[in-house]
Amino acid sequence: MTIQAINVRNQFRGKIKEIIEGPVVSEVDVDTPAGIVTSVITTRSIRDLGLVIGTEVVALVKATEVSIAKL
């Protein structure tokens, strides 16, 4: 799947600034030109996506949910 195939209008490119890892869910802070966007995603997803501080991502915002896509 490409990012263009995602039907989310609010997309913010940035780099991961901080990860606060929990046993089940974690917080991911993404530094974007618009400011910090925080996503709460599963810790398993962080591992599956290989997310670490400095990773370039796109924060996809739809309603109250923030998703992360690795670039």
PDB file of N, CA and C in Angstrom:
ATOM      1  N   MET A   1       0.851  -1.175   0.000  1.00  0.00           N
ATOM      2  CA  MET A   1       0.000   0.000   0.000  1.00  0.00           C
ATOM      3  C   MET A   1       0.894   1.234   0.000  1.00  0.00           C
ATOM      4  N   THR A   2       0.533   2.201  -0.796  1.00  0.00           N
ATOM      5  CA  THR A   2       1.260   3.459  -0.809  1.00  0.00           C
ATOM      6  C   THR A   2       0.498   4.497  -0.015  1.00  0.00           C
ATOM      7  N   ILE A   3       1.187   5.536   0.379  1.00  0.00           N
ATOM      8  CA  ILE A   3       0.537   6.591   1.150  1.00  0.00           C
ATOM      9  C   ILE A   3      -0.562   7.252   0.327  1.00  0.00           C
ATOM     10  N   GLN A   4      -0.396   7.345  -0.988  1.00  0.00           N
ATOM     11  CA  GLN A   4      -1.404   7.953  -1.843  1.00  0.00           C
ATOM     12  C   GLN A   4      -2.716   7.170  -1.813  1.00  0.00           C
ATOM     13  N   ALA A   5      -2.668   5.891  -1.443  1.00  0.00           N
ATOM     14  CA  ALA A   5      -3.862   5.051  -1.435  1.00  0.00           C
ATOM     15  C   ALA A   5      -4.674   5.212  -0.151  1.00  0.00           C
ATOM     16  N   ILE A   6      -4.203   6.016   0.774  1.00  0.00           N
ATOM     17  CA  ILE A   6      -4.900   6.206   2.045  1.00  0.00           C
ATOM     18  C   ILE A   6      -5.817   7.411   1.939  1.00  0.00           C
ATOM     19  N   ASN A   7      -7.075   7.231   2.325  1.00  0.00           N
ATOM     20  CA  ASN A   7      -8.067   8.300   2.230  1.00  0.00           C
ATOM     21  C   ASN A   7      -8.111   9.108   3.527  1.00  0.00           C
ATOM     22  N   VAL A   8      -7.004   9.794   3.807  1.00  0.00           N
ATOM     23  CA  VAL A   8      -6.916  10.669   4.969  1.00  0.00           C
ATOM     24  C   VAL A   8      -6.373  11.999   4.471  1.00  0.00           C
ATOM     25  N   ARG A   9      -7.145  13.053   4.634  1.00  0.00           N
ATOM     26  CA  ARG A   9      -6.753  14.356   4.103  1.00  0.00           C
ATOM     27  C   ARG A   9      -5.698  15.066   4.936  1.00  0.00           C
ATOM     28  N   ASN A  10      -5.721  14.888   6.243  1.00  0.00           N
ATOM     29  CA  ASN A  10      -4.787  15.596   7.121  1.00  0.00           C
ATOM     30  C   ASN A  10      -3.542  14.746   7.330  1.00  0.00           C
ATOM     31  N   GLN A  11      -2.499  15.060   6.568  1.00  0.00           N
ATOM     32  CA  GLN A  11      -1.250  14.316   6.632  1.00  0.00           C
ATOM     33  C   GLN A  11      -0.123  15.276   6.996  1.00  0.00           C
ATOM     34  N   PHE A  12       0.661  14.899   8.009  1.00  0.00           N
ATOM     35  CA  PHE A  12       1.748  15.740   8.482  1.00  0.00           C
ATOM     36  C   PHE A  12       3.054  14.955   8.425  1.00  0.00           C
ATOM     37  N   ARG A  13       3.967  15.372   7.552  1.00  0.00           N
ATOM     38  CA  ARG A  13       5.283  14.734   7.486  1.00  0.00           C
ATOM     39  C   ARG A  13       6.127  15.210   8.651  1.00  0.00           C
ATOM     40  N   GLY A  14       6.929  14.317   9.180  1.00  0.00           N
ATOM     41  CA  GLY A  14       7.813  14.704  10.264  1.00  0.00           C
ATOM     42  C   GLY A  14       8.721  13.567  10.661  1.00  0.00           C
ATOM     43  N   LYS A  15       9.438  13.789  11.755  1.00  0.00           N
ATOM     44  CA  LYS A  15      10.346  12.781  12.297  1.00  0.00           C
ATOM     45  C   LYS A  15       9.930  12.466  13.731  1.00  0.00           C
ATOM     46  N   ILE A  16      10.114  11.213  14.104  1.00  0.00           N
ATOM     47  CA  ILE A  16       9.789  10.811  15.461  1.00  0.00           C
ATOM     48  C   ILE A  16      10.759  11.487  16.421  1.00  0.00           C
ATOM     49  N   LYS A  17      10.195  12.207  17.396  1.00  0.00           N
ATOM     50  CA  LYS A  17      10.987  12.931  18.381  1.00  0.00           C
ATOM     51  C   LYS A  17      11.141  12.126  19.672  1.00  0.00           C
ATOM     52  N   GLU A  18      10.070  11.432  20.069  1.00  0.00           N
ATOM     53  CA  GLU A  18      10.106  10.674  21.319  1.00  0.00           C
ATOM     54  C   GLU A  18       9.140   9.503  21.250  1.00  0.00           C
ATOM     55  N   ILE A  19       9.513   8.407  21.892  1.00  0.00           N
ATOM     56  CA  ILE A  19       8.638   7.242  22.037  1.00  0.00           C
ATOM     57  C   ILE A  19       8.587   6.900  23.518  1.00  0.00           C
ATOM     58  N   ILE A  20       7.381   6.904  24.067  1.00  0.00           N
ATOM     59  CA  ILE A  20       7.189   6.484  25.457  1.00  0.00           C
ATOM     60  C   ILE A  20       6.516   5.122  25.388  1.00  0.00           C
ATOM     61  N   GLU A  21       7.316   4.083  25.580  1.00  0.00           N
ATOM     62  CA  GLU A  21       6.846   2.717  25.357  1.00  0.00           C
ATOM     63  C   GLU A  21       6.192   2.133  26.601  1.00  0.00           C
ATOM     64  N   GLY A  22       5.028   1.547  26.405  1.00  0.00           N
ATOM     65  CA  GLY A  22       4.325   0.835  27.461  1.00  0.00           C
ATOM     66  C   GLY A  22       4.243  -0.639  27.111  1.00  0.00           C
ATOM     67  N   PRO A  23       3.728  -1.463  28.016  1.00  0.00           N
ATOM     68  CA  PRO A  23       3.655  -2.894  27.742  1.00  0.00           C
ATOM     69  C   PRO A  23       2.689  -3.255  26.608  1.00  0.00           C
ATOM     70  N   VAL A  24       1.624  -2.468  26.422  1.00  0.00           N
ATOM     71  CA  VAL A  24       0.635  -2.766  25.383  1.00  0.00           C
ATOM     72  C   VAL A  24       0.516  -1.618  24.384  1.00  0.00           C
ATOM     73  N   VAL A  25       0.388  -0.388  24.874  1.00  0.00           N
ATOM     74  CA  VAL A  25       0.301   0.776  23.995  1.00  0.00           C
ATOM     75  C   VAL A  25       1.432   1.738  24.322  1.00  0.00           C
ATOM     76  N   SER A  26       1.796   2.551  23.331  1.00  0.00           N
ATOM     77  CA  SER A  26       2.889   3.504  23.475  1.00  0.00           C
ATOM     78  C   SER A  26       2.488   4.837  22.874  1.00  0.00           C
ATOM     79  N   GLU A  27       3.171   5.911  23.302  1.00  0.00           N
ATOM     80  CA  GLU A  27       2.974   7.234  22.730  1.00  0.00           C
ATOM     81  C   GLU A  27       4.140   7.544  21.799  1.00  0.00           C
ATOM     82  N   VAL A  28       3.816   8.081  20.635  1.00  0.00           N
ATOM     83  CA  VAL A  28       4.833   8.474  19.666  1.00  0.00           C
ATOM     84  C   VAL A  28       4.643   9.955  19.363  1.00  0.00           C
ATOM     85  N   ASP A  29       5.671  10.757  19.665  1.00  0.00           N
ATOM     86  CA  ASP A  29       5.642  12.184  19.342  1.00  0.00           C
ATOM     87  C   ASP A  29       6.346  12.397  18.016  1.00  0.00           C
ATOM     88  N   VAL A  30       5.631  13.045  17.082  1.00  0.00           N
ATOM     89  CA  VAL A  30       6.175  13.336  15.758  1.00  0.00           C
ATOM     90  C   VAL A  30       6.362  14.839  15.640  1.00  0.00           C
ATOM     91  N   ASP A  31       7.592  15.264  15.338  1.00  0.00           N
ATOM     92  CA  ASP A  31       7.909  16.677  15.156  1.00  0.00           C
ATOM     93  C   ASP A  31       7.626  17.040  13.700  1.00  0.00           C
ATOM     94  N   THR A  32       6.613  17.898  13.480  1.00  0.00           N
ATOM     95  CA  THR A  32       6.218  18.315  12.133  1.00  0.00           C
ATOM     96  C   THR A  32       6.397  19.824  12.013  1.00  0.00           C
ATOM     97  N   PRO A  33       6.369  20.370  10.790  1.00  0.00           N
ATOM     98  CA  PRO A  33       6.428  21.824  10.640  1.00  0.00           C
ATOM     99  C   PRO A  33       5.278  22.537  11.353  1.00  0.00           C
ATOM    100  N   ALA A  34       4.161  21.841  11.568  1.00  0.00           N
ATOM    101  CA  ALA A  34       3.005  22.428  12.258  1.00  0.00           C
ATOM    102  C   ALA A  34       3.097  22.279  13.770  1.00  0.00           C
ATOM    103  N   GLY A  35       4.089  21.571  14.281  1.00  0.00           N
ATOM    104  CA  GLY A  35       4.244  21.324  15.703  1.00  0.00           C
ATOM    105  C   GLY A  35       4.276  19.833  15.997  1.00  0.00           C
ATOM    106  N   ILE A  36       4.198  19.489  17.262  1.00  0.00           N
ATOM    107  CA  ILE A  36       4.245  18.086  17.689  1.00  0.00           C
ATOM    108  C   ILE A  36       2.872  17.450  17.538  1.00  0.00           C
ATOM    109  N   VAL A  37       2.842  16.272  16.911  1.00  0.00           N
ATOM    110  CA  VAL A  37       1.631  15.459  16.818  1.00  0.00           C
ATOM    111  C   VAL A  37       1.920  14.179  17.593  1.00  0.00           C
ATOM    112  N   THR A  38       1.016  13.815  18.500  1.00  0.00           N
ATOM    113  CA  THR A  38       1.210  12.616  19.307  1.00  0.00           C
ATOM    114  C   THR A  38       0.211  11.545  18.908  1.00  0.00           C
ATOM    115  N   SER A  39       0.729  10.341  18.727  1.00  0.00           N
ATOM    116  CA  SER A  39      -0.108   9.193  18.396  1.00  0.00           C
ATOM    117  C   SER A  39       0.017   8.154  19.499  1.00  0.00           C
ATOM    118  N   VAL A  40      -1.094   7.515  19.852  1.00  0.00           N
ATOM    119  CA  VAL A  40      -1.077   6.382  20.772  1.00  0.00           C
ATOM    120  C   VAL A  40      -1.353   5.144  19.930  1.00  0.00           C
ATOM    121  N   ILE A  41      -0.341   4.300  19.798  1.00  0.00           N
ATOM    122  CA  ILE A  41      -0.463   3.084  18.988  1.00  0.00           C
ATOM    123  C   ILE A  41       0.052   1.900  19.809  1.00  0.00           C
ATOM    124  N   THR A  42      -0.209   0.713  19.314  1.00  0.00           N
ATOM    125  CA  THR A  42       0.241  -0.462  20.053  1.00  0.00           C
ATOM    126  C   THR A  42       1.771  -0.556  20.005  1.00  0.00           C
ATOM    127  N   THR A  43       2.323  -1.074  21.077  1.00  0.00           N
ATOM    128  CA  THR A  43       3.765  -1.282  21.146  1.00  0.00           C
ATOM    129  C   THR A  43       4.195  -2.290  20.078  1.00  0.00           C
ATOM    130  N   ARG A  44       3.334  -3.232  19.795  1.00  0.00           N
ATOM    131  CA  ARG A  44       3.622  -4.214  18.737  1.00  0.00           C
ATOM    132  C   ARG A  44       3.768  -3.522  17.381  1.00  0.00           C
ATOM    133  N   SER A  45       2.908  -2.531  17.098  1.00  0.00           N
ATOM    134  CA  SER A  45       3.001  -1.794  15.832  1.00  0.00           C
ATOM    135  C   SER A  45       4.310  -1.028  15.733  1.00  0.00           C
ATOM    136  N   ILE A  46       4.770  -0.488  16.848  1.00  0.00           N
ATOM    137  CA  ILE A  46       6.057   0.218  16.842  1.00  0.00           C
ATOM    138  C   ILE A  46       7.167  -0.735  16.431  1.00  0.00           C
ATOM    139  N   ARG A  47       7.137  -1.926  16.984  1.00  0.00           N
ATOM    140  CA  ARG A  47       8.165  -2.928  16.631  1.00  0.00           C
ATOM    141  C   ARG A  47       8.010  -3.388  15.182  1.00  0.00           C
ATOM    142  N   ASP A  48       6.760  -3.675  14.763  1.00  0.00           N
ATOM    143  CA  ASP A  48       6.513  -4.157  13.396  1.00  0.00           C
ATOM    144  C   ASP A  48       6.950  -3.133  12.340  1.00  0.00           C
ATOM    145  N   LEU A  49       6.729  -1.839  12.629  1.00  0.00           N
ATOM    146  CA  LEU A  49       7.105  -0.775  11.692  1.00  0.00           C
ATOM    147  C   LEU A  49       8.576  -0.378  11.820  1.00  0.00           C
ATOM    148  N   GLY A  50       9.247  -0.848  12.850  1.00  0.00           N
ATOM    149  CA  GLY A  50      10.649  -0.489  13.062  1.00  0.00           C
ATOM    150  C   GLY A  50      10.821   0.984  13.407  1.00  0.00           C
ATOM    151  N   LEU A  51       9.875   1.538  14.165  1.00  0.00           N
ATOM    152  CA  LEU A  51       9.919   2.954  14.504  1.00  0.00           C
ATOM    153  C   LEU A  51      10.926   3.216  15.615  1.00  0.00           C
ATOM    154  N   VAL A  52      11.788   4.198  15.391  1.00  0.00           N
ATOM    155  CA  VAL A  52      12.754   4.654  16.389  1.00  0.00           C
ATOM    156  C   VAL A  52      12.835   6.167  16.283  1.00  0.00           C
ATOM    157  N   ILE A  53      13.446   6.797  17.267  1.00  0.00           N
ATOM    158  CA  ILE A  53      13.629   8.248  17.220  1.00  0.00           C
ATOM    159  C   ILE A  53      14.405   8.608  15.962  1.00  0.00           C
ATOM    160  N   GLY A  54      13.917   9.614  15.243  1.00  0.00           N
ATOM    161  CA  GLY A  54      14.556  10.063  14.004  1.00  0.00           C
ATOM    162  C   GLY A  54      13.949   9.479  12.744  1.00  0.00           C
ATOM    163  N   THR A  55      13.084   8.466  12.875  1.00  0.00           N
ATOM    164  CA  THR A  55      12.447   7.870  11.702  1.00  0.00           C
ATOM    165  C   THR A  55      11.514   8.881  11.038  1.00  0.00           C
ATOM    166  N   GLU A  56      11.614   9.023   9.721  1.00  0.00           N
ATOM    167  CA  GLU A  56      10.695   9.892   8.979  1.00  0.00           C
ATOM    168  C   GLU A  56       9.373   9.169   8.807  1.00  0.00           C
ATOM    169  N   VAL A  57       8.284   9.849   9.175  1.00  0.00           N
ATOM    170  CA  VAL A  57       6.951   9.263   9.115  1.00  0.00           C
ATOM    171  C   VAL A  57       5.957  10.293   8.606  1.00  0.00           C
ATOM    172  N   VAL A  58       4.748   9.839   8.367  1.00  0.00           N
ATOM    173  CA  VAL A  58       3.625  10.718   8.084  1.00  0.00           C
ATOM    174  C   VAL A  58       2.576  10.441   9.146  1.00  0.00           C
ATOM    175  N   ALA A  59       2.160  11.488   9.857  1.00  0.00           N
ATOM    176  CA  ALA A  59       1.073  11.361  10.825  1.00  0.00           C
ATOM    177  C   ALA A  59      -0.221  11.589  10.065  1.00  0.00           C
ATOM    178  N   LEU A  60      -1.088  10.590  10.078  1.00  0.00           N
ATOM    179  CA  LEU A  60      -2.350  10.636   9.347  1.00  0.00           C
ATOM    180  C   LEU A  60      -3.469  10.871  10.356  1.00  0.00           C
ATOM    181  N   VAL A  61      -4.123  12.023  10.261  1.00  0.00           N
ATOM    182  CA  VAL A  61      -5.111  12.421  11.258  1.00  0.00           C
ATOM    183  C   VAL A  61      -6.510  12.315  10.675  1.00  0.00           C
ATOM    184  N   LYS A  62      -7.351  11.496  11.292  1.00  0.00           N
ATOM    185  CA  LYS A  62      -8.737  11.347  10.888  1.00  0.00           C
ATOM    186  C   LYS A  62      -9.568  11.326  12.160  1.00  0.00           C
ATOM    187  N   ALA A  63     -10.442  12.294  12.321  1.00  0.00           N
ATOM    188  CA  ALA A  63     -11.243  12.451  13.555  1.00  0.00           C
ATOM    189  C   ALA A  63     -10.298  12.579  14.735  1.00  0.00           C
ATOM    190  N   THR A  64     -10.396  11.724  15.729  1.00  0.00           N
ATOM    191  CA  THR A  64      -9.527  11.810  16.904  1.00  0.00           C
ATOM    192  C   THR A  64      -8.378  10.814  16.850  1.00  0.00           C
ATOM    193  N   GLU A  65      -8.215  10.111  15.750  1.00  0.00           N
ATOM    194  CA  GLU A  65      -7.178   9.089  15.628  1.00  0.00           C
ATOM    195  C   GLU A  65      -5.991   9.631  14.867  1.00  0.00           C
ATOM    196  N   VAL A  66      -4.765   9.321  15.342  1.00  0.00           N
ATOM    197  CA  VAL A  66      -3.541   9.670  14.639  1.00  0.00           C
ATOM    198  C   VAL A  66      -2.830   8.366  14.326  1.00  0.00           C
ATOM    199  N   SER A  67      -2.633   8.098  13.041  1.00  0.00           N
ATOM    200  CA  SER A  67      -1.921   6.892  12.616  1.00  0.00           C
ATOM    201  C   SER A  67      -0.540   7.278  12.122  1.00  0.00           C
ATOM    202  N   ILE A  68       0.361   6.307  12.049  1.00  0.00           N
ATOM    203  CA  ILE A  68       1.740   6.533  11.614  1.00  0.00           C
ATOM    204  C   ILE A  68       2.030   5.633  10.415  1.00  0.00           C
ATOM    205  N   ALA A  69       2.651   6.236   9.368  1.00  0.00           N
ATOM    206  CA  ALA A  69       3.114   5.460   8.214  1.00  0.00           C
ATOM    207  C   ALA A  69       4.601   5.721   8.037  1.00  0.00           C
ATOM    208  N   LYS A  70       5.397   4.678   7.986  1.00  0.00           N
ATOM    209  CA  LYS A  70       6.847   4.823   7.821  1.00  0.00           C
ATOM    210  C   LYS A  70       7.159   5.185   6.375  1.00  0.00           C
ATOM    211  N   LEU A  71       8.057   6.144   6.178  1.00  0.00           N
ATOM    212  CA  LEU A  71       8.458   6.540   4.817  1.00  0.00           C
ATOM    213  C   LEU A  71       9.601   5.684   4.339  1.00  0.00           C
TER     214      LEU A  71
END
